[in-house]
Amino acid sequence: MPTMEKYLKCTEVIDCDNRSVKAKAQSLTRGLKTDKEKAVALYYFVRDEIKHNAYAPLYDINRYKASMTLKERNGFCQQKAILLIALSRAVGVPARLGFVDVYDHQLSENFKKMIGGVNKFPFHGFAELYVNGKWVHVSPAYDKGTCQRKGFVPVEFDGEHDARDSTHNIKGEPHIEHIEYHGPYDDFPWDEVRDYYKKWLAGMGLDYDEVANMGDSVRQQKSKG
């Protein structure tokens, strides 16, 4: 499977050779025989045991490492997707990153303030897993607890079909709307993501550094409760 080698390798951010990542992947899949079973087990661990944290550090690349997200037990979409990919690679399931620009119609006012006052944001992250001869789209961003608290529809994964972000919440109101797909990527494109953020913000008349400082201020306030 030479074309899949790049989707199985370890990188600085997708550090599937990290001892804690390997140990967790092996314990979660112990006794499971198929890639489908392994993919499902790993997905639900990342979805529910790694809590969604919209205010996790955004501007430090070390915070994106799979091993760091596993240690912290929380993260936002990109960080959780990277962890799922690392766990998958650690047990031989090819995995890669995908990103999509989205409208999130359920964003809180605090989060909108953090990204410049809008409900559109770029490079929302998800994973793509290679199972039974095809790539499947899986989005582990929102844990079940967050969904129950906010009235979101949990994203379920059966190991065969795409598990995409829910388009509506439990009240039937619009939630996630995909706009533009970016990918796939065999590693986290840190420089590309930052450059894209800068251009996207500039297009709205916003400065990257000002938004970054504003976001850090909101994060600090949230961390203090």
N, C-alpha and C. Protein backbone atom coordinates (compact mmCIF):
# COMPACT_ATOMS: atom_id res chain seq x y z
N MET A 1 0.84 -1.20 0.00
CA MET A 1 0.00 0.00 0.00
C MET A 1 0.88 1.26 0.00
N PRO A 2 1.77 1.40 -1.00
CA PRO A 2 2.73 2.50 -0.99
C PRO A 2 2.10 3.88 -0.98
N THR A 3 0.97 4.06 -1.64
CA THR A 3 0.34 5.38 -1.68
C THR A 3 -0.21 5.79 -0.32
N MET A 4 -0.36 4.86 0.59
CA MET A 4 -0.92 5.14 1.91
C MET A 4 0.17 5.42 2.95
N GLU A 5 1.43 5.25 2.59
CA GLU A 5 2.50 5.39 3.57
C GLU A 5 2.51 6.75 4.25
N LYS A 6 2.25 7.81 3.47
CA LYS A 6 2.28 9.15 4.07
C LYS A 6 1.13 9.37 5.05
N TYR A 7 0.10 8.55 4.94
CA TYR A 7 -1.04 8.67 5.85
C TYR A 7 -0.90 7.75 7.06
N LEU A 8 0.27 7.17 7.20
CA LEU A 8 0.56 6.31 8.36
C LEU A 8 1.78 6.80 9.15
N LYS A 9 2.49 7.78 8.60
CA LYS A 9 3.75 8.20 9.22
C LYS A 9 3.52 9.15 10.39
N CYS A 10 4.53 9.25 11.22
CA CYS A 10 4.51 10.16 12.36
C CYS A 10 5.12 11.48 11.94
N THR A 11 4.60 12.57 12.48
CA THR A 11 5.15 13.90 12.24
C THR A 11 5.28 14.60 13.58
N GLU A 12 5.80 15.81 13.55
CA GLU A 12 5.97 16.55 14.79
C GLU A 12 4.63 16.80 15.49
N VAL A 13 3.60 17.10 14.71
CA VAL A 13 2.28 17.40 15.29
C VAL A 13 1.45 16.13 15.40
N ILE A 14 1.42 15.33 14.35
CA ILE A 14 0.70 14.05 14.40
C ILE A 14 1.68 13.02 14.94
N ASP A 15 1.97 13.12 16.23
CA ASP A 15 3.04 12.32 16.84
C ASP A 15 2.52 10.95 17.30
N CYS A 16 2.17 10.13 16.31
CA CYS A 16 1.62 8.81 16.62
C CYS A 16 2.66 7.85 17.18
N ASP A 17 3.94 8.24 17.17
CA ASP A 17 4.96 7.42 17.79
C ASP A 17 5.19 7.79 19.25
N ASN A 18 4.46 8.79 19.73
CA ASN A 18 4.55 9.16 21.14
C ASN A 18 4.05 8.01 22.02
N ARG A 19 4.75 7.77 23.12
CA ARG A 19 4.43 6.62 23.96
C ARG A 19 2.98 6.64 24.45
N SER A 20 2.51 7.80 24.90
CA SER A 20 1.15 7.87 25.44
C SER A 20 0.11 7.67 24.35
N VAL A 21 0.38 8.19 23.16
CA VAL A 21 -0.55 8.05 22.04
C VAL A 21 -0.64 6.59 21.62
N LYS A 22 0.51 5.94 21.48
CA LYS A 22 0.53 4.53 21.09
C LYS A 22 -0.18 3.66 22.13
N ALA A 23 0.11 3.93 23.39
CA ALA A 23 -0.49 3.11 24.45
C ALA A 23 -2.01 3.27 24.47
N LYS A 24 -2.48 4.51 24.31
CA LYS A 24 -3.94 4.74 24.32
C LYS A 24 -4.60 4.08 23.11
N ALA A 25 -3.98 4.21 21.94
CA ALA A 25 -4.55 3.60 20.74
C ALA A 25 -4.64 2.09 20.88
N GLN A 26 -3.60 1.48 21.42
CA GLN A 26 -3.58 0.03 21.58
C GLN A 26 -4.60 -0.43 22.61
N SER A 27 -4.75 0.33 23.70
CA SER A 27 -5.72 -0.08 24.73
C SER A 27 -7.15 0.07 24.22
N LEU A 28 -7.41 1.09 23.42
CA LEU A 28 -8.77 1.31 22.90
C LEU A 28 -9.18 0.29 21.86
N THR A 29 -8.19 -0.30 21.19
CA THR A 29 -8.51 -1.23 20.09
C THR A 29 -8.15 -2.68 20.42
N ARG A 30 -7.75 -2.92 21.65
CA ARG A 30 -7.36 -4.28 22.02
C ARG A 30 -8.53 -5.26 21.79
N GLY A 31 -8.26 -6.33 21.08
CA GLY A 31 -9.29 -7.34 20.80
C GLY A 31 -10.11 -7.06 19.56
N LEU A 32 -9.95 -5.87 18.98
CA LEU A 32 -10.70 -5.53 17.76
C LEU A 32 -9.89 -5.98 16.54
N LYS A 33 -10.56 -6.58 15.58
CA LYS A 33 -9.85 -7.20 14.47
C LYS A 33 -9.87 -6.40 13.17
N THR A 34 -10.88 -5.59 12.97
CA THR A 34 -10.99 -4.89 11.69
C THR A 34 -10.71 -3.40 11.85
N ASP A 35 -10.31 -2.78 10.75
CA ASP A 35 -10.09 -1.34 10.76
C ASP A 35 -11.39 -0.59 11.07
N LYS A 36 -12.49 -1.12 10.61
CA LYS A 36 -13.78 -0.48 10.89
C LYS A 36 -14.04 -0.43 12.39
N GLU A 37 -13.84 -1.55 13.08
CA GLU A 37 -14.06 -1.59 14.52
C GLU A 37 -13.11 -0.64 15.24
N LYS A 38 -11.87 -0.62 14.80
CA LYS A 38 -10.88 0.26 15.42
C LYS A 38 -11.24 1.73 15.20
N ALA A 39 -11.64 2.06 13.99
CA ALA A 39 -11.98 3.44 13.67
C ALA A 39 -13.14 3.94 14.52
N VAL A 40 -14.14 3.10 14.71
CA VAL A 40 -15.30 3.49 15.52
C VAL A 40 -14.90 3.71 16.98
N ALA A 41 -14.11 2.78 17.52
CA ALA A 41 -13.68 2.89 18.91
C ALA A 41 -12.86 4.16 19.14
N LEU A 42 -11.95 4.43 18.23
CA LEU A 42 -11.11 5.62 18.37
C LEU A 42 -11.92 6.90 18.22
N TYR A 43 -12.87 6.89 17.28
CA TYR A 43 -13.71 8.06 17.06
C TYR A 43 -14.47 8.45 18.33
N TYR A 44 -15.14 7.48 18.94
CA TYR A 44 -15.97 7.81 20.10
C TYR A 44 -15.13 8.20 21.31
N PHE A 45 -13.92 7.68 21.40
CA PHE A 45 -13.03 8.14 22.48
C PHE A 45 -12.71 9.61 22.29
N VAL A 46 -12.30 9.98 21.09
CA VAL A 46 -11.93 11.38 20.84
C VAL A 46 -13.16 12.29 20.93
N ARG A 47 -14.27 11.83 20.40
CA ARG A 47 -15.47 12.68 20.44
C ARG A 47 -15.89 12.99 21.87
N ASP A 48 -15.95 11.97 22.72
CA ASP A 48 -16.57 12.15 24.03
C ASP A 48 -15.61 12.29 25.20
N GLU A 49 -14.45 11.67 25.13
CA GLU A 49 -13.51 11.73 26.26
C GLU A 49 -12.57 12.92 26.16
N ILE A 50 -12.41 13.46 24.97
CA ILE A 50 -11.64 14.69 24.79
C ILE A 50 -12.67 15.82 24.62
N LYS A 51 -12.85 16.59 25.66
CA LYS A 51 -13.94 17.57 25.68
C LYS A 51 -13.69 18.71 24.70
N HIS A 52 -14.76 19.15 24.08
CA HIS A 52 -14.65 20.29 23.18
C HIS A 52 -14.36 21.55 23.98
N ASN A 53 -13.31 22.25 23.59
CA ASN A 53 -12.92 23.49 24.26
C ASN A 53 -12.63 24.55 23.21
N ALA A 54 -13.61 25.38 22.95
CA ALA A 54 -13.46 26.41 21.93
C ALA A 54 -12.41 27.44 22.31
N TYR A 55 -12.01 27.46 23.59
CA TYR A 55 -11.08 28.46 24.07
C TYR A 55 -9.70 27.89 24.36
N ALA A 56 -9.41 26.71 23.82
CA ALA A 56 -8.07 26.14 23.93
C ALA A 56 -7.08 27.04 23.20
N PRO A 57 -5.80 27.06 23.62
CA PRO A 57 -4.80 27.92 22.96
C PRO A 57 -4.76 27.71 21.46
N LEU A 58 -4.77 28.81 20.72
CA LEU A 58 -4.89 28.75 19.26
C LEU A 58 -3.58 29.05 18.53
N TYR A 59 -2.72 29.85 19.16
CA TYR A 59 -1.58 30.39 18.41
C TYR A 59 -0.25 29.73 18.76
N ASP A 60 -0.26 28.61 19.46
CA ASP A 60 0.95 27.87 19.82
C ASP A 60 0.90 26.51 19.14
N ILE A 61 1.83 26.26 18.21
CA ILE A 61 1.78 25.00 17.45
C ILE A 61 1.94 23.79 18.36
N ASN A 62 2.64 23.93 19.48
CA ASN A 62 2.81 22.79 20.38
C ASN A 62 1.48 22.32 20.95
N ARG A 63 0.50 23.22 21.01
CA ARG A 63 -0.81 22.86 21.57
C ARG A 63 -1.62 22.02 20.59
N TYR A 64 -1.12 21.90 19.34
CA TYR A 64 -1.81 21.10 18.34
C TYR A 64 -1.33 19.65 18.33
N LYS A 65 -0.23 19.37 19.00
CA LYS A 65 0.31 18.02 18.99
C LYS A 65 -0.71 17.04 19.58
N ALA A 66 -0.82 15.89 18.94
CA ALA A 66 -1.78 14.89 19.41
C ALA A 66 -1.51 14.51 20.87
N SER A 67 -0.25 14.33 21.22
CA SER A 67 0.09 13.94 22.59
C SER A 67 -0.32 15.00 23.60
N MET A 68 -0.24 16.28 23.22
CA MET A 68 -0.64 17.35 24.12
C MET A 68 -2.16 17.37 24.31
N THR A 69 -2.90 17.19 23.22
CA THR A 69 -4.37 17.15 23.34
C THR A 69 -4.79 15.96 24.18
N LEU A 70 -4.12 14.82 24.01
CA LEU A 70 -4.44 13.65 24.83
C LEU A 70 -4.16 13.93 26.29
N LYS A 71 -3.07 14.61 26.57
CA LYS A 71 -2.71 14.95 27.95
C LYS A 71 -3.71 15.93 28.56
N GLU A 72 -4.06 16.96 27.81
CA GLU A 72 -4.96 18.00 28.32
C GLU A 72 -6.42 17.54 28.39
N ARG A 73 -6.76 16.54 27.59
CA ARG A 73 -8.12 15.96 27.54
C ARG A 73 -9.16 16.94 27.06
N ASN A 74 -8.73 17.94 26.28
CA ASN A 74 -9.69 18.87 25.68
C ASN A 74 -9.03 19.51 24.48
N GLY A 75 -9.86 20.12 23.63
CA GLY A 75 -9.33 20.80 22.45
C GLY A 75 -10.47 21.22 21.54
N PHE A 76 -10.14 22.02 20.54
CA PHE A 76 -11.15 22.39 19.55
C PHE A 76 -11.02 21.49 18.33
N CYS A 77 -11.77 21.80 17.29
CA CYS A 77 -11.93 20.87 16.17
C CYS A 77 -10.61 20.39 15.57
N GLN A 78 -9.70 21.31 15.27
CA GLN A 78 -8.43 20.92 14.65
C GLN A 78 -7.62 20.01 15.56
N GLN A 79 -7.55 20.36 16.82
CA GLN A 79 -6.76 19.59 17.77
C GLN A 79 -7.34 18.19 17.97
N LYS A 80 -8.65 18.09 18.06
CA LYS A 80 -9.28 16.79 18.22
C LYS A 80 -9.13 15.93 16.97
N ALA A 81 -9.21 16.55 15.80
CA ALA A 81 -9.03 15.80 14.56
C ALA A 81 -7.61 15.25 14.47
N ILE A 82 -6.63 16.06 14.85
CA ILE A 82 -5.23 15.62 14.82
C ILE A 82 -5.03 14.44 15.76
N LEU A 83 -5.64 14.47 16.93
CA LEU A 83 -5.51 13.34 17.86
C LEU A 83 -6.13 12.09 17.27
N LEU A 84 -7.31 12.20 16.68
CA LEU A 84 -7.95 11.02 16.07
C LEU A 84 -7.06 10.44 14.97
N ILE A 85 -6.45 11.30 14.20
CA ILE A 85 -5.57 10.84 13.12
C ILE A 85 -4.35 10.12 13.69
N ALA A 86 -3.76 10.69 14.74
CA ALA A 86 -2.58 10.06 15.35
C ALA A 86 -2.93 8.70 15.96
N LEU A 87 -4.03 8.60 16.64
CA LEU A 87 -4.46 7.33 17.23
C LEU A 87 -4.70 6.30 16.14
N SER A 88 -5.32 6.73 15.04
CA SER A 88 -5.60 5.82 13.92
C SER A 88 -4.30 5.31 13.30
N ARG A 89 -3.40 6.21 13.04
CA ARG A 89 -2.11 5.81 12.45
C ARG A 89 -1.35 4.87 13.38
N ALA A 90 -1.49 5.09 14.67
CA ALA A 90 -0.76 4.27 15.64
C ALA A 90 -1.16 2.80 15.60
N VAL A 91 -2.37 2.52 15.09
CA VAL A 91 -2.82 1.13 14.98
C VAL A 91 -2.99 0.71 13.52
N GLY A 92 -2.34 1.45 12.62
CA GLY A 92 -2.29 1.03 11.22
C GLY A 92 -3.46 1.42 10.35
N VAL A 93 -4.32 2.33 10.82
CA VAL A 93 -5.44 2.81 10.00
C VAL A 93 -5.01 4.12 9.33
N PRO A 94 -4.89 4.16 8.01
CA PRO A 94 -4.49 5.39 7.34
C PRO A 94 -5.45 6.53 7.66
N ALA A 95 -4.88 7.71 7.90
CA ALA A 95 -5.71 8.85 8.29
C ALA A 95 -5.06 10.13 7.82
N ARG A 96 -5.90 11.12 7.52
CA ARG A 96 -5.40 12.41 7.05
C ARG A 96 -6.32 13.53 7.52
N LEU A 97 -5.86 14.75 7.36
CA LEU A 97 -6.61 15.92 7.79
C LEU A 97 -7.41 16.53 6.65
N GLY A 98 -8.56 17.05 7.01
CA GLY A 98 -9.35 17.84 6.09
C GLY A 98 -9.79 19.11 6.81
N PHE A 99 -10.03 20.15 6.05
CA PHE A 99 -10.50 21.42 6.61
C PHE A 99 -11.60 21.98 5.73
N VAL A 100 -12.47 22.75 6.34
CA VAL A 100 -13.56 23.36 5.59
C VAL A 100 -13.90 24.70 6.23
N ASP A 101 -14.13 25.71 5.41
CA ASP A 101 -14.66 26.99 5.92
C ASP A 101 -16.14 26.78 6.22
N VAL A 102 -16.60 27.35 7.32
CA VAL A 102 -17.99 27.11 7.71
C VAL A 102 -18.66 28.39 8.19
N TYR A 103 -19.98 28.37 8.10
CA TYR A 103 -20.82 29.25 8.90
C TYR A 103 -21.30 28.42 10.08
N ASP A 104 -21.10 28.92 11.28
CA ASP A 104 -21.64 28.27 12.47
C ASP A 104 -22.72 29.18 13.03
N HIS A 105 -23.96 28.78 12.80
CA HIS A 105 -25.09 29.63 13.18
C HIS A 105 -25.42 29.57 14.67
N GLN A 106 -24.68 28.74 15.43
CA GLN A 106 -24.93 28.61 16.86
C GLN A 106 -23.77 29.13 17.70
N LEU A 107 -22.90 29.92 17.11
CA LEU A 107 -21.76 30.44 17.86
C LEU A 107 -22.22 31.35 18.99
N SER A 108 -21.54 31.25 20.13
CA SER A 108 -21.83 32.15 21.25
C SER A 108 -21.28 33.54 20.95
N GLU A 109 -21.79 34.53 21.65
CA GLU A 109 -21.32 35.90 21.44
C GLU A 109 -19.85 36.03 21.85
N ASN A 110 -19.44 35.31 22.90
CA ASN A 110 -18.04 35.33 23.33
C ASN A 110 -17.13 34.82 22.24
N PHE A 111 -17.54 33.72 21.58
CA PHE A 111 -16.68 33.16 20.55
C PHE A 111 -16.64 34.07 19.33
N LYS A 112 -17.77 34.65 18.97
CA LYS A 112 -17.79 35.57 17.83
C LYS A 112 -16.88 36.78 18.10
N LYS A 113 -16.88 37.24 19.34
CA LYS A 113 -16.00 38.35 19.71
C LYS A 113 -14.54 37.96 19.51
N MET A 114 -14.24 36.70 19.79
CA MET A 114 -12.87 36.21 19.72
C MET A 114 -12.36 36.12 18.29
N ILE A 115 -13.27 35.96 17.31
CA ILE A 115 -12.84 35.80 15.92
C ILE A 115 -13.26 36.99 15.05
N GLY A 116 -13.51 38.11 15.70
CA GLY A 116 -13.76 39.32 14.93
C GLY A 116 -15.22 39.69 14.77
N GLY A 117 -16.11 39.05 15.52
CA GLY A 117 -17.52 39.42 15.53
C GLY A 117 -18.36 38.79 14.45
N VAL A 118 -17.86 37.71 13.84
CA VAL A 118 -18.60 37.06 12.76
C VAL A 118 -18.89 35.60 13.13
N ASN A 119 -19.80 34.98 12.37
CA ASN A 119 -20.08 33.56 12.62
C ASN A 119 -19.53 32.67 11.50
N LYS A 120 -18.68 33.25 10.66
CA LYS A 120 -18.00 32.49 9.63
C LYS A 120 -16.54 32.34 10.02
N PHE A 121 -16.02 31.12 9.98
CA PHE A 121 -14.60 30.98 10.27
C PHE A 121 -13.98 29.90 9.39
N PRO A 122 -12.67 30.05 9.11
CA PRO A 122 -12.00 29.17 8.16
C PRO A 122 -11.32 27.99 8.82
N PHE A 123 -11.04 26.98 7.99
CA PHE A 123 -10.23 25.82 8.38
C PHE A 123 -10.78 25.11 9.61
N HIS A 124 -12.08 24.91 9.66
CA HIS A 124 -12.67 24.01 10.64
C HIS A 124 -12.13 22.60 10.34
N GLY A 125 -11.59 21.94 11.36
CA GLY A 125 -10.89 20.69 11.12
C GLY A 125 -11.70 19.43 11.35
N PHE A 126 -11.40 18.41 10.56
CA PHE A 126 -11.99 17.08 10.74
C PHE A 126 -10.98 16.04 10.27
N ALA A 127 -11.30 14.78 10.46
CA ALA A 127 -10.40 13.70 10.04
C ALA A 127 -11.01 12.95 8.86
N GLU A 128 -10.14 12.36 8.08
CA GLU A 128 -10.56 11.43 7.03
C GLU A 128 -9.82 10.11 7.28
N LEU A 129 -10.59 9.05 7.44
CA LEU A 129 -10.02 7.74 7.75
C LEU A 129 -10.24 6.80 6.56
N TYR A 130 -9.24 5.97 6.30
CA TYR A 130 -9.35 5.04 5.18
C TYR A 130 -9.80 3.69 5.72
N VAL A 131 -11.06 3.35 5.44
CA VAL A 131 -11.66 2.14 5.99
C VAL A 131 -12.36 1.37 4.87
N ASN A 132 -12.04 0.09 4.77
CA ASN A 132 -12.67 -0.78 3.76
C ASN A 132 -12.57 -0.21 2.35
N GLY A 133 -11.38 0.29 2.03
CA GLY A 133 -11.12 0.71 0.66
C GLY A 133 -11.63 2.07 0.26
N LYS A 134 -12.04 2.89 1.23
CA LYS A 134 -12.50 4.24 0.88
C LYS A 134 -12.24 5.20 2.03
N TRP A 135 -12.16 6.48 1.69
CA TRP A 135 -11.99 7.51 2.70
C TRP A 135 -13.36 7.93 3.24
N VAL A 136 -13.45 8.05 4.55
CA VAL A 136 -14.67 8.53 5.18
C VAL A 136 -14.36 9.79 5.99
N HIS A 137 -15.26 10.71 5.94
CA HIS A 137 -15.17 12.01 6.62
C HIS A 137 -15.74 11.84 8.03
N VAL A 138 -14.94 12.18 9.05
CA VAL A 138 -15.43 12.05 10.43
C VAL A 138 -15.09 13.31 11.22
N SER A 139 -16.09 13.85 11.89
CA SER A 139 -15.92 15.08 12.65
C SER A 139 -16.17 14.81 14.13
N PRO A 140 -15.10 14.74 14.94
CA PRO A 140 -15.25 14.43 16.36
C PRO A 140 -15.31 15.66 17.26
N ALA A 141 -15.60 16.82 16.72
CA ALA A 141 -15.42 18.07 17.46
C ALA A 141 -16.25 18.15 18.74
N TYR A 142 -17.56 17.89 18.66
CA TYR A 142 -18.43 18.14 19.81
C TYR A 142 -18.71 16.86 20.59
N ASP A 143 -18.27 16.85 21.84
CA ASP A 143 -18.55 15.69 22.71
C ASP A 143 -20.02 15.66 23.09
N LYS A 144 -20.44 14.51 23.57
CA LYS A 144 -21.87 14.32 23.87
C LYS A 144 -22.36 15.27 24.95
N GLY A 145 -21.51 15.55 25.93
CA GLY A 145 -21.89 16.47 27.00
C GLY A 145 -22.14 17.87 26.47
N THR A 146 -21.27 18.34 25.60
CA THR A 146 -21.44 19.66 25.00
C THR A 146 -22.73 19.70 24.17
N CYS A 147 -22.98 18.62 23.43
CA CYS A 147 -24.20 18.57 22.62
C CYS A 147 -25.45 18.64 23.49
N GLN A 148 -25.45 17.91 24.59
CA GLN A 148 -26.61 17.93 25.48
C GLN A 148 -26.80 19.30 26.11
N ARG A 149 -25.70 19.94 26.47
CA ARG A 149 -25.76 21.25 27.13
C ARG A 149 -26.22 22.34 26.18
N LYS A 150 -25.81 22.25 24.92
CA LYS A 150 -26.08 23.33 23.97
C LYS A 150 -27.20 23.00 22.98
N GLY A 151 -27.73 21.79 23.06
CA GLY A 151 -28.82 21.42 22.15
C GLY A 151 -28.34 21.07 20.76
N PHE A 152 -27.09 20.60 20.65
CA PHE A 152 -26.55 20.19 19.36
C PHE A 152 -26.91 18.73 19.09
N VAL A 153 -26.89 18.35 17.83
CA VAL A 153 -27.11 16.96 17.45
C VAL A 153 -25.75 16.25 17.41
N PRO A 154 -25.53 15.21 18.22
CA PRO A 154 -24.24 14.51 18.20
C PRO A 154 -23.97 13.87 16.83
N VAL A 155 -22.72 13.89 16.42
CA VAL A 155 -22.33 13.27 15.16
C VAL A 155 -21.98 11.81 15.42
N GLU A 156 -22.74 10.89 14.81
CA GLU A 156 -22.53 9.47 15.03
C GLU A 156 -21.73 8.87 13.87
N PHE A 157 -20.94 7.82 14.18
CA PHE A 157 -20.08 7.20 13.18
C PHE A 157 -20.23 5.68 13.24
N ASP A 158 -20.55 5.08 12.09
CA ASP A 158 -20.73 3.62 12.04
C ASP A 158 -19.55 2.89 11.41
N GLY A 159 -18.51 3.64 11.06
CA GLY A 159 -17.33 3.01 10.47
C GLY A 159 -17.42 2.82 8.97
N GLU A 160 -18.55 3.17 8.38
CA GLU A 160 -18.74 2.98 6.94
C GLU A 160 -19.11 4.26 6.20
N HIS A 161 -19.91 5.10 6.85
CA HIS A 161 -20.43 6.29 6.19
C HIS A 161 -19.83 7.55 6.80
N ASP A 162 -19.86 8.63 6.03
CA ASP A 162 -19.37 9.90 6.53
C ASP A 162 -20.10 10.31 7.80
N ALA A 163 -19.35 10.88 8.72
CA ALA A 163 -19.92 11.41 9.97
C ALA A 163 -19.64 12.91 9.98
N ARG A 164 -20.47 13.64 9.27
CA ARG A 164 -20.26 15.07 9.08
C ARG A 164 -20.94 15.90 10.16
N ASP A 165 -20.49 17.13 10.29
CA ASP A 165 -21.10 18.04 11.25
C ASP A 165 -22.60 18.16 11.02
N SER A 166 -23.33 18.26 12.09
CA SER A 166 -24.78 18.36 12.00
C SER A 166 -25.18 19.73 11.42
N THR A 167 -26.07 19.68 10.47
CA THR A 167 -26.48 20.93 9.81
C THR A 167 -27.51 21.71 10.63
N HIS A 168 -28.19 21.02 11.58
CA HIS A 168 -29.20 21.67 12.41
C HIS A 168 -29.06 21.19 13.85
N ASN A 169 -29.55 22.01 14.78
CA ASN A 169 -29.55 21.57 16.17
C ASN A 169 -30.83 20.79 16.45
N ILE A 170 -31.04 20.40 17.72
CA ILE A 170 -32.19 19.54 18.04
C ILE A 170 -33.53 20.27 17.87
N LYS A 171 -33.48 21.60 17.82
CA LYS A 171 -34.70 22.38 17.59
C LYS A 171 -34.98 22.56 16.10
N GLY A 172 -34.08 22.07 15.26
CA GLY A 172 -34.24 22.24 13.83
C GLY A 172 -33.70 23.54 13.30
N GLU A 173 -32.99 24.28 14.14
CA GLU A 173 -32.40 25.55 13.71
C GLU A 173 -31.07 25.28 13.01
N PRO A 174 -30.66 26.14 12.07
CA PRO A 174 -29.39 25.93 11.37
C PRO A 174 -28.21 25.89 12.33
N HIS A 175 -27.27 24.99 12.06
CA HIS A 175 -26.07 24.90 12.88
C HIS A 175 -24.83 25.07 11.99
N ILE A 176 -24.23 23.97 11.52
CA ILE A 176 -23.00 24.06 10.74
C ILE A 176 -23.30 24.03 9.24
N GLU A 177 -22.79 25.00 8.54
CA GLU A 177 -22.95 25.08 7.09
C GLU A 177 -21.56 25.07 6.44
N HIS A 178 -21.22 24.03 5.71
CA HIS A 178 -19.93 23.94 5.04
C HIS A 178 -19.92 24.83 3.80
N ILE A 179 -18.79 25.54 3.61
CA ILE A 179 -18.68 26.48 2.49
C ILE A 179 -17.62 26.03 1.48
N GLU A 180 -16.38 25.91 1.95
CA GLU A 180 -15.28 25.60 1.04
C GLU A 180 -14.34 24.57 1.68
N TYR A 181 -14.10 23.48 0.96
CA TYR A 181 -13.25 22.40 1.45
C TYR A 181 -11.79 22.68 1.15
N HIS A 182 -10.91 22.37 2.12
CA HIS A 182 -9.47 22.44 1.94
C HIS A 182 -8.88 21.07 2.29
N GLY A 183 -8.03 20.55 1.43
CA GLY A 183 -7.41 19.29 1.77
C GLY A 183 -7.40 18.35 0.58
N PRO A 184 -6.95 17.12 0.83
CA PRO A 184 -6.52 16.60 2.13
C PRO A 184 -5.06 16.94 2.43
N TYR A 185 -4.68 16.71 3.70
CA TYR A 185 -3.32 16.97 4.16
C TYR A 185 -2.82 15.77 4.95
N ASP A 186 -1.58 15.40 4.68
CA ASP A 186 -0.99 14.30 5.46
C ASP A 186 -0.35 14.81 6.74
N ASP A 187 -0.18 16.14 6.88
CA ASP A 187 0.34 16.74 8.10
C ASP A 187 -0.39 18.06 8.34
N PHE A 188 -0.24 18.60 9.53
CA PHE A 188 -0.92 19.85 9.87
C PHE A 188 -0.22 21.01 9.18
N PRO A 189 -0.91 21.74 8.29
CA PRO A 189 -0.29 22.81 7.50
C PRO A 189 -0.26 24.14 8.25
N TRP A 190 0.53 24.21 9.29
CA TRP A 190 0.55 25.34 10.21
C TRP A 190 0.73 26.68 9.49
N ASP A 191 1.73 26.78 8.62
CA ASP A 191 1.99 28.04 7.92
C ASP A 191 0.84 28.41 6.99
N GLU A 192 0.30 27.41 6.29
CA GLU A 192 -0.80 27.68 5.38
C GLU A 192 -2.04 28.15 6.14
N VAL A 193 -2.30 27.53 7.28
CA VAL A 193 -3.46 27.91 8.08
C VAL A 193 -3.33 29.35 8.56
N ARG A 194 -2.16 29.71 9.07
CA ARG A 194 -1.96 31.08 9.55
C ARG A 194 -2.06 32.09 8.42
N ASP A 195 -1.48 31.78 7.26
CA ASP A 195 -1.55 32.70 6.13
C ASP A 195 -3.00 32.88 5.66
N TYR A 196 -3.74 31.79 5.67
CA TYR A 196 -5.14 31.85 5.25
C TYR A 196 -5.95 32.70 6.23
N TYR A 197 -5.71 32.50 7.54
CA TYR A 197 -6.38 33.32 8.55
C TYR A 197 -6.13 34.80 8.30
N LYS A 198 -4.86 35.14 8.02
CA LYS A 198 -4.49 36.54 7.82
C LYS A 198 -5.22 37.14 6.62
N LYS A 199 -5.26 36.41 5.50
CA LYS A 199 -5.92 36.89 4.30
C LYS A 199 -7.42 37.00 4.52
N TRP A 200 -7.99 36.01 5.20
CA TRP A 200 -9.42 35.99 5.47
C TRP A 200 -9.82 37.18 6.33
N LEU A 201 -9.04 37.47 7.37
CA LEU A 201 -9.32 38.60 8.25
C LEU A 201 -9.13 39.93 7.51
N ALA A 202 -8.07 39.99 6.71
CA ALA A 202 -7.81 41.22 5.95
C ALA A 202 -8.97 41.53 5.01
N GLY A 203 -9.59 40.49 4.46
CA GLY A 203 -10.72 40.67 3.57
C GLY A 203 -11.92 41.27 4.27
N MET A 204 -11.95 41.14 5.60
CA MET A 204 -13.04 41.74 6.39
C MET A 204 -12.58 43.03 7.06
N GLY A 205 -11.37 43.50 6.69
CA GLY A 205 -10.86 44.73 7.27
C GLY A 205 -10.33 44.55 8.68
N LEU A 206 -9.95 43.32 9.04
CA LEU A 206 -9.46 43.03 10.38
C LEU A 206 -7.98 42.68 10.33
N ASP A 207 -7.28 43.00 11.41
CA ASP A 207 -5.85 42.72 11.50
C ASP A 207 -5.63 41.43 12.29
N TYR A 208 -4.78 40.57 11.76
CA TYR A 208 -4.53 39.26 12.39
C TYR A 208 -4.05 39.41 13.83
N ASP A 209 -3.06 40.28 14.06
CA ASP A 209 -2.50 40.43 15.41
C ASP A 209 -3.53 40.98 16.38
N GLU A 210 -4.36 41.91 15.91
CA GLU A 210 -5.39 42.47 16.79
C GLU A 210 -6.41 41.41 17.17
N VAL A 211 -6.83 40.61 16.19
CA VAL A 211 -7.78 39.53 16.48
C VAL A 211 -7.15 38.49 17.40
N ALA A 212 -5.86 38.18 17.17
CA ALA A 212 -5.17 37.22 18.02
C ALA A 212 -5.13 37.72 19.46
N ASN A 213 -4.81 39.00 19.66
CA ASN A 213 -4.77 39.56 21.01
C ASN A 213 -6.15 39.58 21.64
N MET A 214 -7.16 39.92 20.84
CA MET A 214 -8.53 39.92 21.34
C MET A 214 -8.96 38.51 21.73
N GLY A 215 -8.58 37.52 20.91
CA GLY A 215 -8.91 36.14 21.21
C GLY A 215 -8.23 35.67 22.47
N ASP A 216 -6.97 36.02 22.65
CA ASP A 216 -6.25 35.63 23.86
C ASP A 216 -6.88 36.25 25.10
N SER A 217 -7.35 37.49 24.95
CA SER A 217 -8.01 38.16 26.07
C SER A 217 -9.29 37.44 26.46
N VAL A 218 -10.09 37.05 25.46
CA VAL A 218 -11.32 36.31 25.75
C VAL A 218 -10.99 34.96 26.39
N ARG A 219 -9.96 34.28 25.88
CA ARG A 219 -9.57 32.99 26.44
C ARG A 219 -9.16 33.10 27.91
N GLN A 220 -8.41 34.16 28.23
CA GLN A 220 -7.98 34.35 29.61
C GLN A 220 -9.17 34.61 30.52
N GLN A 221 -10.12 35.38 30.04
CA GLN A 221 -11.32 35.65 30.83
C GLN A 221 -12.11 34.37 31.07
N LYS A 222 -12.21 33.53 30.01
CA LYS A 222 -12.95 32.28 30.14
C LYS A 222 -12.24 31.33 31.10
N SER A 223 -10.90 31.30 31.06
CA SER A 223 -10.15 30.39 31.92
C SER A 223 -10.28 30.77 33.39
N LYS A 224 -10.57 32.07 33.64
CA LYS A 224 -10.75 32.52 35.01
C LYS A 224 -12.18 32.32 35.49
N GLY A 225 -13.03 31.84 34.55
CA GLY A 225 -14.43 31.61 34.90
C GLY A 225 -15.25 32.89 34.89
